[in-house]
Amino acid sequence: MPEELWGAAVSAAQRYGISQVARALGLGHAGLKARTLAASAPSSQARKAAKAEGFVEVSAAQLLASASVSSLRIEYVAREGSRLTLTVPSSCRDFDLPALVAALRGP
C-alpha cells in the first residue's frame, strides 16, 4: 500500500481507534498499530512542549504597579526561538491574553 494511504489510515486510527480503522479498511491490526504508535511518538512530545509553552510570565513590577500604568508589554517566545513583543495600551481593558497566545500557537 502506498505511504500516502498508510498516512491517511494512521490519521484515521489516531482519531477513531486502531481496531475500528483496521477492520473498516481491511488492514492488519499489528501493522496499523505499529505505524500509529510510531507516528504518535513525536506528537506526544510536541504536546508536552506545547503545554510548557503555555506558561505566561508576569513580572513583580507588573503585579505591584499602580493603576496608572500606561501600557502592558507582552513578549511571546515560540519553541523554535522566534520572538514577538507587543505593547498594549492600558485603555485595552478587555484584552484577552489567552486568546492571543492560542492564536500565536496556531492549530
N, C-alpha and C. Protein backbone atom coordinates (compact mmCIF):
# COMPACT_ATOMS: atom_id res chain seq x y z
N MET A 1 0.86 -1.18 0.00
CA MET A 1 0.00 0.00 0.00
C MET A 1 0.90 1.24 0.00
N PRO A 2 0.59 2.25 -0.79
CA PRO A 2 1.41 3.47 -0.84
C PRO A 2 1.46 4.18 0.52
N GLU A 3 2.58 4.85 0.79
CA GLU A 3 2.78 5.55 2.06
C GLU A 3 1.71 6.61 2.29
N GLU A 4 1.26 7.25 1.23
CA GLU A 4 0.22 8.27 1.36
C GLU A 4 -1.06 7.67 1.96
N LEU A 5 -1.40 6.48 1.53
CA LEU A 5 -2.59 5.81 2.06
C LEU A 5 -2.37 5.34 3.50
N TRP A 6 -1.16 4.87 3.79
CA TRP A 6 -0.85 4.50 5.17
C TRP A 6 -0.97 5.72 6.08
N GLY A 7 -0.49 6.85 5.60
CA GLY A 7 -0.59 8.09 6.39
C GLY A 7 -2.04 8.44 6.69
N ALA A 8 -2.89 8.28 5.69
CA ALA A 8 -4.32 8.56 5.90
C ALA A 8 -4.93 7.57 6.89
N ALA A 9 -4.52 6.30 6.78
CA ALA A 9 -5.02 5.28 7.71
C ALA A 9 -4.55 5.56 9.13
N VAL A 10 -3.31 6.00 9.29
CA VAL A 10 -2.77 6.33 10.61
C VAL A 10 -3.54 7.51 11.20
N SER A 11 -3.79 8.53 10.38
CA SER A 11 -4.57 9.68 10.86
C SER A 11 -5.96 9.26 11.32
N ALA A 12 -6.58 8.38 10.55
CA ALA A 12 -7.91 7.89 10.93
C ALA A 12 -7.83 7.07 12.21
N ALA A 13 -6.77 6.26 12.36
CA ALA A 13 -6.61 5.44 13.56
C ALA A 13 -6.38 6.30 14.79
N GLN A 14 -5.67 7.40 14.64
CA GLN A 14 -5.46 8.30 15.77
C GLN A 14 -6.77 8.94 16.21
N ARG A 15 -7.65 9.13 15.26
CA ARG A 15 -8.92 9.78 15.57
C ARG A 15 -10.00 8.79 16.02
N TYR A 16 -10.10 7.65 15.35
CA TYR A 16 -11.20 6.72 15.58
C TYR A 16 -10.80 5.43 16.29
N GLY A 17 -9.51 5.18 16.42
CA GLY A 17 -9.06 3.95 17.06
C GLY A 17 -8.51 2.96 16.06
N ILE A 18 -7.48 2.24 16.46
CA ILE A 18 -6.78 1.32 15.57
C ILE A 18 -7.69 0.17 15.14
N SER A 19 -8.36 -0.45 16.08
CA SER A 19 -9.18 -1.62 15.75
C SER A 19 -10.29 -1.29 14.76
N GLN A 20 -10.98 -0.19 15.02
CA GLN A 20 -12.10 0.19 14.15
C GLN A 20 -11.62 0.49 12.73
N VAL A 21 -10.51 1.20 12.60
CA VAL A 21 -9.99 1.56 11.27
C VAL A 21 -9.45 0.32 10.56
N ALA A 22 -8.71 -0.52 11.29
CA ALA A 22 -8.16 -1.74 10.68
C ALA A 22 -9.29 -2.62 10.14
N ARG A 23 -10.36 -2.75 10.92
CA ARG A 23 -11.50 -3.56 10.49
C ARG A 23 -12.18 -2.95 9.27
N ALA A 24 -12.42 -1.65 9.32
CA ALA A 24 -13.15 -0.97 8.24
C ALA A 24 -12.36 -0.99 6.92
N LEU A 25 -11.03 -0.89 7.01
CA LEU A 25 -10.20 -0.82 5.81
C LEU A 25 -9.60 -2.16 5.41
N GLY A 26 -9.81 -3.17 6.23
CA GLY A 26 -9.26 -4.49 5.93
C GLY A 26 -7.75 -4.53 6.07
N LEU A 27 -7.20 -3.79 7.04
CA LEU A 27 -5.75 -3.75 7.27
C LEU A 27 -5.38 -4.65 8.43
N GLY A 28 -4.14 -5.07 8.47
CA GLY A 28 -3.64 -5.85 9.60
C GLY A 28 -3.55 -4.95 10.83
N HIS A 29 -4.12 -5.44 11.93
CA HIS A 29 -4.13 -4.65 13.17
C HIS A 29 -2.72 -4.34 13.65
N ALA A 30 -1.84 -5.33 13.65
CA ALA A 30 -0.47 -5.14 14.14
C ALA A 30 0.29 -4.10 13.32
N GLY A 31 0.17 -4.16 12.00
CA GLY A 31 0.86 -3.20 11.14
C GLY A 31 0.37 -1.78 11.33
N LEU A 32 -0.95 -1.64 11.41
CA LEU A 32 -1.52 -0.30 11.62
C LEU A 32 -1.15 0.23 13.00
N LYS A 33 -1.16 -0.65 14.00
CA LYS A 33 -0.80 -0.23 15.36
C LYS A 33 0.65 0.25 15.40
N ALA A 34 1.55 -0.49 14.77
CA ALA A 34 2.97 -0.10 14.76
C ALA A 34 3.17 1.26 14.11
N ARG A 35 2.52 1.46 12.99
CA ARG A 35 2.65 2.75 12.30
C ARG A 35 2.02 3.88 13.10
N THR A 36 0.89 3.60 13.74
CA THR A 36 0.21 4.63 14.54
C THR A 36 1.05 5.01 15.75
N LEU A 37 1.63 4.01 16.42
CA LEU A 37 2.49 4.30 17.57
C LEU A 37 3.73 5.07 17.15
N ALA A 38 4.30 4.72 16.02
CA ALA A 38 5.49 5.42 15.52
C ALA A 38 5.15 6.87 15.19
N ALA A 39 3.98 7.09 14.64
CA ALA A 39 3.57 8.46 14.29
C ALA A 39 3.17 9.25 15.52
N SER A 40 2.72 8.57 16.57
CA SER A 40 2.25 9.26 17.78
C SER A 40 3.39 9.70 18.68
N ALA A 41 4.53 9.04 18.61
CA ALA A 41 5.64 9.37 19.50
C ALA A 41 6.05 10.85 19.39
N PRO A 42 6.32 11.39 18.19
CA PRO A 42 6.69 12.80 18.12
C PRO A 42 5.56 13.72 18.54
N SER A 43 4.32 13.37 18.23
CA SER A 43 3.24 14.27 18.57
C SER A 43 3.01 14.33 20.08
N SER A 44 3.31 13.24 20.81
CA SER A 44 3.17 13.31 22.27
C SER A 44 4.24 14.23 22.84
N GLN A 45 5.44 14.21 22.25
CA GLN A 45 6.49 15.14 22.67
C GLN A 45 6.09 16.57 22.34
N ALA A 46 5.47 16.76 21.20
CA ALA A 46 5.03 18.10 20.81
C ALA A 46 3.94 18.60 21.76
N ARG A 47 3.06 17.69 22.19
CA ARG A 47 2.02 18.10 23.14
C ARG A 47 2.63 18.54 24.46
N LYS A 48 3.67 17.80 24.93
CA LYS A 48 4.34 18.20 26.17
C LYS A 48 4.99 19.57 26.01
N ALA A 49 5.62 19.80 24.87
CA ALA A 49 6.25 21.10 24.61
C ALA A 49 5.20 22.20 24.53
N ALA A 50 4.06 21.90 23.93
CA ALA A 50 3.00 22.90 23.82
C ALA A 50 2.45 23.26 25.19
N LYS A 51 2.35 22.28 26.08
CA LYS A 51 1.88 22.58 27.43
C LYS A 51 2.88 23.47 28.14
N ALA A 52 4.18 23.18 27.99
CA ALA A 52 5.19 24.02 28.62
C ALA A 52 5.18 25.41 28.01
N GLU A 53 4.85 25.51 26.74
CA GLU A 53 4.84 26.78 26.05
C GLU A 53 3.67 27.66 26.52
N GLY A 54 2.69 27.08 27.19
CA GLY A 54 1.53 27.82 27.64
C GLY A 54 1.80 28.70 28.85
N PHE A 55 3.02 28.69 29.35
CA PHE A 55 3.38 29.47 30.53
C PHE A 55 3.37 30.96 30.21
N VAL A 56 2.79 31.75 31.07
CA VAL A 56 2.76 33.19 30.90
C VAL A 56 3.50 33.80 32.09
N GLU A 57 4.57 34.53 31.82
CA GLU A 57 5.37 35.14 32.86
C GLU A 57 4.86 36.55 33.16
N VAL A 58 4.69 36.83 34.43
CA VAL A 58 4.29 38.16 34.87
C VAL A 58 5.33 38.64 35.86
N SER A 59 5.91 39.80 35.60
CA SER A 59 6.96 40.30 36.49
C SER A 59 6.35 40.90 37.75
N ALA A 60 7.15 40.96 38.81
CA ALA A 60 6.70 41.56 40.06
C ALA A 60 6.34 43.02 39.86
N ALA A 61 7.06 43.70 38.97
CA ALA A 61 6.77 45.11 38.71
C ALA A 61 5.36 45.28 38.14
N GLN A 62 4.94 44.34 37.28
CA GLN A 62 3.59 44.42 36.73
C GLN A 62 2.55 44.17 37.81
N LEU A 63 2.83 43.24 38.72
CA LEU A 63 1.88 42.94 39.78
C LEU A 63 1.76 44.06 40.80
N LEU A 64 2.88 44.72 41.07
CA LEU A 64 2.91 45.75 42.11
C LEU A 64 2.67 47.15 41.57
N ALA A 65 2.58 47.29 40.26
CA ALA A 65 2.41 48.61 39.64
C ALA A 65 1.07 49.21 40.03
N SER A 66 1.05 50.51 40.09
CA SER A 66 -0.20 51.20 40.40
C SER A 66 -1.14 51.14 39.19
N ALA A 67 -2.35 51.56 39.36
CA ALA A 67 -3.35 51.52 38.29
C ALA A 67 -3.03 52.51 37.18
N SER A 68 -2.04 53.35 37.36
CA SER A 68 -1.73 54.36 36.36
C SER A 68 -0.74 53.88 35.30
N VAL A 69 -0.53 52.59 35.19
CA VAL A 69 0.38 52.04 34.18
C VAL A 69 -0.17 52.39 32.79
N SER A 70 0.70 52.90 31.92
CA SER A 70 0.24 53.35 30.61
C SER A 70 0.15 52.24 29.58
N SER A 71 0.89 51.14 29.78
CA SER A 71 0.84 50.06 28.79
C SER A 71 1.29 48.75 29.43
N LEU A 72 1.01 47.68 28.71
CA LEU A 72 1.40 46.33 29.12
C LEU A 72 2.28 45.77 28.02
N ARG A 73 3.44 45.26 28.38
CA ARG A 73 4.33 44.66 27.39
C ARG A 73 4.20 43.15 27.45
N ILE A 74 3.90 42.54 26.31
CA ILE A 74 3.74 41.09 26.20
C ILE A 74 4.83 40.58 25.28
N GLU A 75 5.58 39.61 25.76
CA GLU A 75 6.64 39.02 24.95
C GLU A 75 6.32 37.55 24.76
N TYR A 76 6.19 37.13 23.52
CA TYR A 76 5.88 35.74 23.18
C TYR A 76 7.11 35.13 22.52
N VAL A 77 7.60 34.01 23.07
CA VAL A 77 8.75 33.32 22.52
C VAL A 77 8.29 31.93 22.09
N ALA A 78 8.40 31.65 20.80
CA ALA A 78 7.99 30.35 20.26
C ALA A 78 9.07 29.32 20.52
N ARG A 79 8.70 28.04 20.41
CA ARG A 79 9.63 26.94 20.65
C ARG A 79 10.90 27.06 19.82
N GLU A 80 10.75 27.45 18.56
CA GLU A 80 11.93 27.50 17.68
C GLU A 80 12.78 28.73 17.91
N GLY A 81 12.36 29.61 18.82
CA GLY A 81 13.18 30.75 19.20
C GLY A 81 12.72 32.09 18.68
N SER A 82 11.76 32.11 17.75
CA SER A 82 11.28 33.41 17.27
C SER A 82 10.58 34.14 18.41
N ARG A 83 10.62 35.45 18.35
CA ARG A 83 10.14 36.27 19.46
C ARG A 83 9.25 37.39 18.93
N LEU A 84 8.17 37.65 19.65
CA LEU A 84 7.26 38.73 19.30
C LEU A 84 6.99 39.53 20.56
N THR A 85 7.19 40.84 20.49
CA THR A 85 6.92 41.70 21.63
C THR A 85 5.81 42.67 21.24
N LEU A 86 4.76 42.71 22.06
CA LEU A 86 3.63 43.61 21.82
C LEU A 86 3.52 44.58 22.99
N THR A 87 3.18 45.82 22.69
CA THR A 87 2.89 46.79 23.72
C THR A 87 1.42 47.15 23.59
N VAL A 88 0.66 46.84 24.64
CA VAL A 88 -0.78 47.04 24.63
C VAL A 88 -1.10 48.22 25.54
N PRO A 89 -1.79 49.24 25.04
CA PRO A 89 -2.14 50.38 25.88
C PRO A 89 -3.08 49.97 27.01
N SER A 90 -2.98 50.65 28.12
CA SER A 90 -3.82 50.31 29.27
C SER A 90 -5.30 50.55 28.98
N SER A 91 -5.60 51.29 27.94
CA SER A 91 -7.00 51.53 27.59
C SER A 91 -7.69 50.26 27.08
N CYS A 92 -6.91 49.24 26.74
CA CYS A 92 -7.48 47.96 26.28
C CYS A 92 -7.74 47.07 27.49
N ARG A 93 -8.74 47.40 28.24
CA ARG A 93 -9.04 46.66 29.48
C ARG A 93 -9.58 45.28 29.21
N ASP A 94 -10.24 45.06 28.09
CA ASP A 94 -10.83 43.76 27.78
C ASP A 94 -9.90 42.90 26.94
N PHE A 95 -8.62 43.10 27.05
CA PHE A 95 -7.64 42.37 26.27
C PHE A 95 -7.65 40.90 26.69
N ASP A 96 -7.78 39.99 25.73
CA ASP A 96 -7.88 38.56 26.00
C ASP A 96 -6.53 37.89 25.73
N LEU A 97 -5.68 37.84 26.74
CA LEU A 97 -4.34 37.28 26.59
C LEU A 97 -4.36 35.80 26.23
N PRO A 98 -5.17 34.94 26.87
CA PRO A 98 -5.19 33.53 26.45
C PRO A 98 -5.58 33.34 24.98
N ALA A 99 -6.50 34.15 24.48
CA ALA A 99 -6.88 34.04 23.07
C ALA A 99 -5.72 34.43 22.16
N LEU A 100 -4.97 35.45 22.55
CA LEU A 100 -3.81 35.86 21.76
C LEU A 100 -2.77 34.75 21.72
N VAL A 101 -2.47 34.15 22.85
CA VAL A 101 -1.47 33.07 22.90
C VAL A 101 -1.93 31.90 22.05
N ALA A 102 -3.22 31.55 22.13
CA ALA A 102 -3.75 30.45 21.33
C ALA A 102 -3.63 30.76 19.84
N ALA A 103 -3.89 31.99 19.45
CA ALA A 103 -3.78 32.38 18.04
C ALA A 103 -2.34 32.33 17.57
N LEU A 104 -1.40 32.72 18.41
CA LEU A 104 0.01 32.70 18.04
C LEU A 104 0.53 31.27 17.91
N ARG A 105 0.06 30.38 18.77
CA ARG A 105 0.49 28.98 18.72
C ARG A 105 -0.06 28.27 17.51
N GLY A 106 -1.23 28.68 17.03
CA GLY A 106 -1.83 28.07 15.86
C GLY A 106 -2.49 26.75 16.17
N PRO A 107 -2.97 26.08 15.12
CA PRO A 107 -3.69 24.82 15.32
C PRO A 107 -2.80 23.68 15.76
